[in-house]
Amino acid sequence: MKTKFFKYQGAGNDFILIDNRDLSFQYKDNNAVLDLCNRRFGIGADGLMLLQTHETHDFEMLYFNADGKLGSMCGNGGRCIVAFAKYLGIIDIETEFLAVDGPHYAKISAEGDWVNLQMIDIDNIEKDGDAYVLNTGSPHYVLQVTGLKDKDVFTEGKAIRNSDTYKVAGINVNFVENQGDHFFVRTFERGVEDETYACGTGVTAVALSMAQHLKQEGHIETPIKVLGGDLRIQFDYDGSKFRNIFLCGPAVQVFTGEVMV
């Protein structure tokens, strides 16, 4: 059966999106999504999302990692599916949709290419040696480094993700370098099992961790550069809890087509 798909990217984090309000795309096993996300034998993407109807929200986001398995929250994916919902005429400039970690509010530009997505509140950040560990919808490990441009993120990130502490549940590994007026971030993502050009929940975790590390308080805006471009995190921090957290950045439709599924 031919299925229509749309390709979106948010700061280089790319996704396959399918309008599944009629439930025509039937997820049966990991291989269906795995094949579509394959960059040589499929469409190619960091993940796949189904947009589905929901009784109490504008829509539901169902997210699959590139390995074919149902994933935890994806921040850039969330921004892309909001842009997709606007393209389909489901929403205008504001929405509340349901994801795996609960409801999310978002606001999109009139042009439909910039999305501010509200993330879940964070009450605490733990430490693992020099690293910060927290869950921003997905679990993250945040480690400050120098010389990030030349770091072997794949090898070092894979080693941490598969360490005894994190191997079973998995964790996303973020390396961050303070470059004065912004933070530079590179991320090894579980589920993709590789470095991605951006990770929305990852840069959110970085911004919150660095606010705690630098003892910042009040309303904070943190500019972040990733391999795929620029993102911005806005939040309120009282020295203990993080509230009103927004992941802000581009969400762009790249192309559309049909694929045999």
Protein backbone atom coordinates (compact mmCIF):
# COMPACT_ATOMS: atom_id res chain seq x y z
CA MET A 1 0.00 0.00 0.00
CA LYS A 2 1.25 3.48 -0.85
CA THR A 3 1.46 5.90 2.07
CA LYS A 4 1.92 9.67 1.75
CA PHE A 5 4.68 11.05 3.91
CA PHE A 6 6.20 14.42 4.70
CA LYS A 7 9.83 15.15 5.63
CA TYR A 8 10.57 17.88 8.18
CA GLN A 9 13.74 19.07 9.86
CA GLY A 10 14.32 21.16 12.97
CA ALA A 11 17.90 22.46 13.16
CA GLY A 12 19.06 19.40 11.22
CA ASN A 13 17.10 16.90 13.33
CA ASP A 14 15.06 15.23 10.56
CA PHE A 15 11.80 13.30 10.73
CA ILE A 16 9.28 11.43 8.62
CA LEU A 17 5.72 12.57 9.39
CA ILE A 18 2.54 10.74 8.47
CA ASP A 19 -1.02 12.03 8.84
CA ASN A 20 -2.55 8.99 10.51
CA ARG A 21 -5.91 10.41 11.52
CA ASP A 22 -7.59 7.65 9.53
CA LEU A 23 -5.33 5.01 11.17
CA SER A 24 -4.31 3.71 7.74
CA PHE A 25 -0.68 3.32 8.83
CA GLN A 26 -0.71 0.20 10.98
CA TYR A 27 2.42 -0.21 13.09
CA LYS A 28 3.08 -3.96 13.29
CA ASP A 29 6.76 -4.41 14.08
CA ASN A 30 10.02 -2.53 14.43
CA ASN A 31 11.09 -3.27 10.86
CA ALA A 32 8.45 -1.06 9.21
CA VAL A 33 9.76 2.13 10.85
CA LEU A 34 13.37 0.94 10.81
CA ASP A 35 13.23 0.50 7.04
CA LEU A 36 11.67 3.90 6.42
CA CYS A 37 14.28 5.67 8.57
CA ASN A 38 17.19 3.89 6.89
CA ARG A 39 19.30 6.49 5.09
CA ARG A 40 20.42 4.15 2.30
CA PHE A 41 17.44 1.87 1.72
CA GLY A 42 14.56 4.05 2.91
CA ILE A 43 13.59 7.72 3.16
CA GLY A 44 16.13 8.41 5.89
CA ALA A 45 15.43 10.16 9.20
CA ASP A 46 16.29 10.38 12.89
CA GLY A 47 12.76 9.25 13.67
CA LEU A 48 9.18 8.86 12.46
CA MET A 49 6.02 10.46 13.83
CA LEU A 50 2.36 9.69 13.42
CA LEU A 51 -0.14 12.52 13.86
CA GLN A 52 -3.35 11.04 15.23
CA THR A 53 -6.67 12.34 16.53
CA HIS A 54 -7.35 12.67 20.24
CA GLU A 55 -10.59 13.29 22.13
CA THR A 56 -9.34 16.05 24.42
CA HIS A 57 -6.37 17.56 22.55
CA ASP A 58 -5.80 19.01 19.09
CA PHE A 59 -3.89 15.89 18.11
CA GLU A 60 -1.65 13.14 19.47
CA MET A 61 2.04 12.71 18.63
CA LEU A 62 3.27 9.13 18.39
CA TYR A 63 7.06 9.06 18.05
CA PHE A 64 9.34 6.22 16.92
CA ASN A 65 13.13 6.26 17.08
CA ALA A 66 15.16 5.37 13.98
CA ASP A 67 15.65 1.88 15.45
CA GLY A 68 11.91 1.29 14.97
CA LYS A 69 11.01 1.34 18.66
CA LEU A 70 8.53 3.66 20.33
CA GLY A 71 10.52 6.54 21.78
CA SER A 72 10.30 8.98 24.65
CA MET A 73 9.62 12.67 24.05
CA CYS A 74 11.42 14.31 21.14
CA GLY A 75 11.59 18.10 21.41
CA ASN A 76 12.54 18.94 17.82
CA GLY A 77 10.09 16.32 16.66
CA GLY A 78 7.42 18.02 18.74
CA ARG A 79 8.18 21.33 17.06
CA CYS A 80 8.06 19.71 13.62
CA ILE A 81 4.73 18.00 14.23
CA VAL A 82 3.25 21.35 15.32
CA ALA A 83 4.35 22.84 11.99
CA PHE A 84 2.85 19.79 10.26
CA ALA A 85 -0.46 20.25 12.09
CA LYS A 86 -0.58 23.88 10.93
CA TYR A 87 0.18 22.79 7.35
CA LEU A 88 -2.73 20.32 7.54
CA GLY A 89 -5.06 23.04 8.83
CA ILE A 90 -5.63 21.32 12.18
CA ILE A 91 -4.36 24.32 14.18
CA ASP A 92 -3.73 28.02 13.68
CA ILE A 93 -0.92 29.62 15.73
CA GLU A 94 -1.48 27.93 19.10
CA THR A 95 -2.06 24.34 20.10
CA GLU A 96 -2.12 21.86 22.92
CA PHE A 97 -1.29 18.33 21.85
CA LEU A 98 -0.58 15.06 23.63
CA ALA A 99 2.82 13.35 23.61
CA VAL A 100 4.18 10.38 25.52
CA ASP A 101 5.24 12.58 28.47
CA GLY A 102 1.90 14.41 28.67
CA PRO A 103 0.29 17.49 27.13
CA HIS A 104 2.38 20.20 25.46
CA TYR A 105 1.47 23.79 24.59
CA ALA A 106 3.09 25.34 21.53
CA LYS A 107 2.92 28.55 19.53
CA ILE A 108 3.93 28.76 15.88
CA SER A 109 4.77 31.74 13.69
CA ALA A 110 2.25 32.88 11.11
CA GLU A 111 4.64 31.68 8.41
CA GLY A 112 4.68 28.24 10.04
CA ASP A 113 8.44 27.80 10.21
CA TRP A 114 9.30 28.77 13.82
CA VAL A 115 7.87 26.95 16.84
CA ASN A 116 8.08 27.66 20.56
CA LEU A 117 7.30 24.40 22.35
CA GLN A 118 6.65 24.21 26.08
CA MET A 119 8.50 21.37 27.77
CA ILE A 120 7.74 19.58 31.04
CA ASP A 121 8.64 21.20 34.38
CA ILE A 122 11.85 20.03 36.03
CA ASP A 123 12.17 19.78 39.82
CA ASN A 124 15.66 18.41 40.24
CA ILE A 125 18.93 17.66 38.49
CA GLU A 126 21.23 14.89 39.69
CA LYS A 127 24.99 14.52 39.34
CA ASP A 128 27.10 11.62 38.06
CA GLY A 129 30.66 12.68 38.75
CA ASP A 130 31.18 15.89 36.79
CA ALA A 131 28.09 15.30 34.63
CA TYR A 132 24.52 16.45 35.18
CA VAL A 133 21.70 13.91 34.72
CA LEU A 134 18.05 14.84 34.22
CA ASN A 135 14.90 13.90 32.33
CA THR A 136 13.40 16.58 30.07
CA GLY A 137 10.93 14.15 28.52
CA SER A 138 13.87 11.91 27.63
CA PRO A 139 16.83 11.04 29.89
CA HIS A 140 19.98 13.11 29.39
CA TYR A 141 23.60 13.15 30.49
CA VAL A 142 25.27 16.58 30.24
CA LEU A 143 29.05 16.93 30.41
CA GLN A 144 31.08 20.13 30.01
CA VAL A 145 34.13 19.79 27.76
CA THR A 146 36.66 21.85 25.84
CA GLY A 147 37.64 21.38 22.19
CA LEU A 148 34.16 20.10 21.34
CA LYS A 149 34.54 20.84 17.64
CA ASP A 150 37.18 18.10 17.35
CA LYS A 151 35.79 15.65 19.93
CA ASP A 152 34.97 12.06 18.87
CA VAL A 153 31.36 12.35 20.00
CA PHE A 154 30.33 9.03 18.48
CA THR A 155 32.93 6.97 20.33
CA GLU A 156 32.79 8.80 23.65
CA GLY A 157 29.00 9.17 23.62
CA LYS A 158 28.46 5.53 22.73
CA ALA A 159 30.74 4.45 25.59
CA ILE A 160 28.74 6.46 28.16
CA ARG A 161 25.37 5.37 26.73
CA ASN A 162 26.45 1.71 26.94
CA SER A 163 28.17 1.93 30.32
CA ASP A 164 26.99 -0.30 33.16
CA THR A 165 24.98 2.57 34.64
CA TYR A 166 22.99 3.41 31.52
CA LYS A 167 23.15 0.41 29.20
CA VAL A 168 19.76 -1.14 30.02
CA ALA A 169 17.52 1.95 29.98
CA GLY A 170 19.78 4.00 27.72
CA ILE A 171 20.58 7.70 27.94
CA ASN A 172 21.27 10.56 25.55
CA VAL A 173 24.76 11.98 25.95
CA ASN A 174 25.30 15.73 25.49
CA PHE A 175 28.72 17.38 25.36
CA VAL A 176 28.63 21.14 25.93
CA GLU A 177 31.20 23.89 25.57
CA ASN A 178 30.63 27.41 26.92
CA GLN A 179 31.58 29.81 24.12
CA GLY A 180 30.75 33.03 25.95
CA ASP A 181 27.62 34.32 24.25
CA HIS A 182 26.20 30.84 23.61
CA PHE A 183 26.67 27.14 24.36
CA PHE A 184 27.85 24.77 21.65
CA VAL A 185 26.28 21.30 22.00
CA ARG A 186 26.81 17.94 20.31
CA THR A 187 24.65 14.92 21.18
CA PHE A 188 24.82 11.15 20.89
CA GLU A 189 21.21 9.92 20.84
CA ARG A 190 19.96 6.57 22.05
CA GLY A 191 17.53 4.97 19.60
CA VAL A 192 19.41 6.55 16.72
CA GLU A 193 22.64 5.19 18.27
CA ASP A 194 24.65 7.91 16.58
CA GLU A 195 25.36 11.62 16.77
CA THR A 196 22.48 13.74 15.47
CA TYR A 197 22.64 17.31 14.17
CA ALA A 198 20.38 18.48 17.01
CA CYS A 199 18.42 17.15 19.97
CA GLY A 200 15.62 19.27 21.42
CA THR A 201 15.27 17.59 24.79
CA GLY A 202 19.09 17.50 24.88
CA VAL A 203 19.66 21.24 24.42
CA THR A 204 16.90 21.83 26.97
CA ALA A 205 18.76 19.62 29.43
CA VAL A 206 21.97 21.52 28.70
CA ALA A 207 20.40 24.95 29.27
CA LEU A 208 18.90 23.92 32.61
CA SER A 209 22.10 22.19 33.76
CA MET A 210 24.23 25.20 32.90
CA ALA A 211 21.83 27.54 34.72
CA GLN A 212 22.22 25.44 37.84
CA HIS A 213 25.99 25.20 37.34
CA LEU A 214 26.37 28.97 36.87
CA LYS A 215 23.90 29.70 39.71
CA GLN A 216 21.66 31.78 37.46
CA GLU A 217 18.15 32.68 38.60
CA GLY A 218 15.11 34.49 37.22
CA HIS A 219 13.87 34.46 33.64
CA ILE A 220 16.66 33.03 31.50
CA GLU A 221 17.15 32.83 27.74
CA THR A 222 19.92 30.51 26.60
CA PRO A 223 21.17 30.58 22.99
CA ILE A 224 22.56 27.27 21.80
CA LYS A 225 24.37 26.28 18.62
CA VAL A 226 24.21 22.72 17.30
CA LEU A 227 25.58 21.15 14.15
CA GLY A 228 22.28 21.89 12.39
CA GLY A 229 21.87 25.54 13.39
CA ASP A 230 20.60 27.67 16.26
CA LEU A 231 18.11 26.96 19.04
CA ARG A 232 17.01 28.97 22.06
CA ILE A 233 15.76 27.84 25.47
CA GLN A 234 13.61 30.12 27.66
CA PHE A 235 12.70 29.29 31.25
CA ASP A 236 12.19 30.54 34.80
CA TYR A 237 14.49 29.27 37.56
CA ASP A 238 14.18 30.11 41.25
CA GLY A 239 17.34 28.30 42.29
CA SER A 240 15.42 25.08 42.92
CA LYS A 241 12.78 24.40 40.25
CA PHE A 242 12.52 25.08 36.53
CA ARG A 243 9.20 26.32 35.13
CA ASN A 244 7.78 27.77 31.89
CA ILE A 245 10.42 25.98 29.83
CA PHE A 246 10.25 26.61 26.07
CA LEU A 247 12.31 25.06 23.29
CA CYS A 248 12.37 27.57 20.42
CA GLY A 249 13.62 27.03 16.89
CA PRO A 250 12.93 26.34 13.21
CA ALA A 251 10.67 23.60 11.86
CA VAL A 252 10.81 23.30 8.09
CA GLN A 253 9.06 21.03 5.59
CA VAL A 254 11.72 19.60 3.28
CA PHE A 255 9.74 17.48 0.84
CA THR A 256 6.79 15.12 0.49
CA GLY A 257 6.18 11.90 -1.40
CA GLU A 258 4.70 8.42 -1.36
CA VAL A 259 6.28 5.22 -0.15
CA MET A 260 5.27 1.57 -0.24
CA VAL A 261 4.61 0.25 3.27
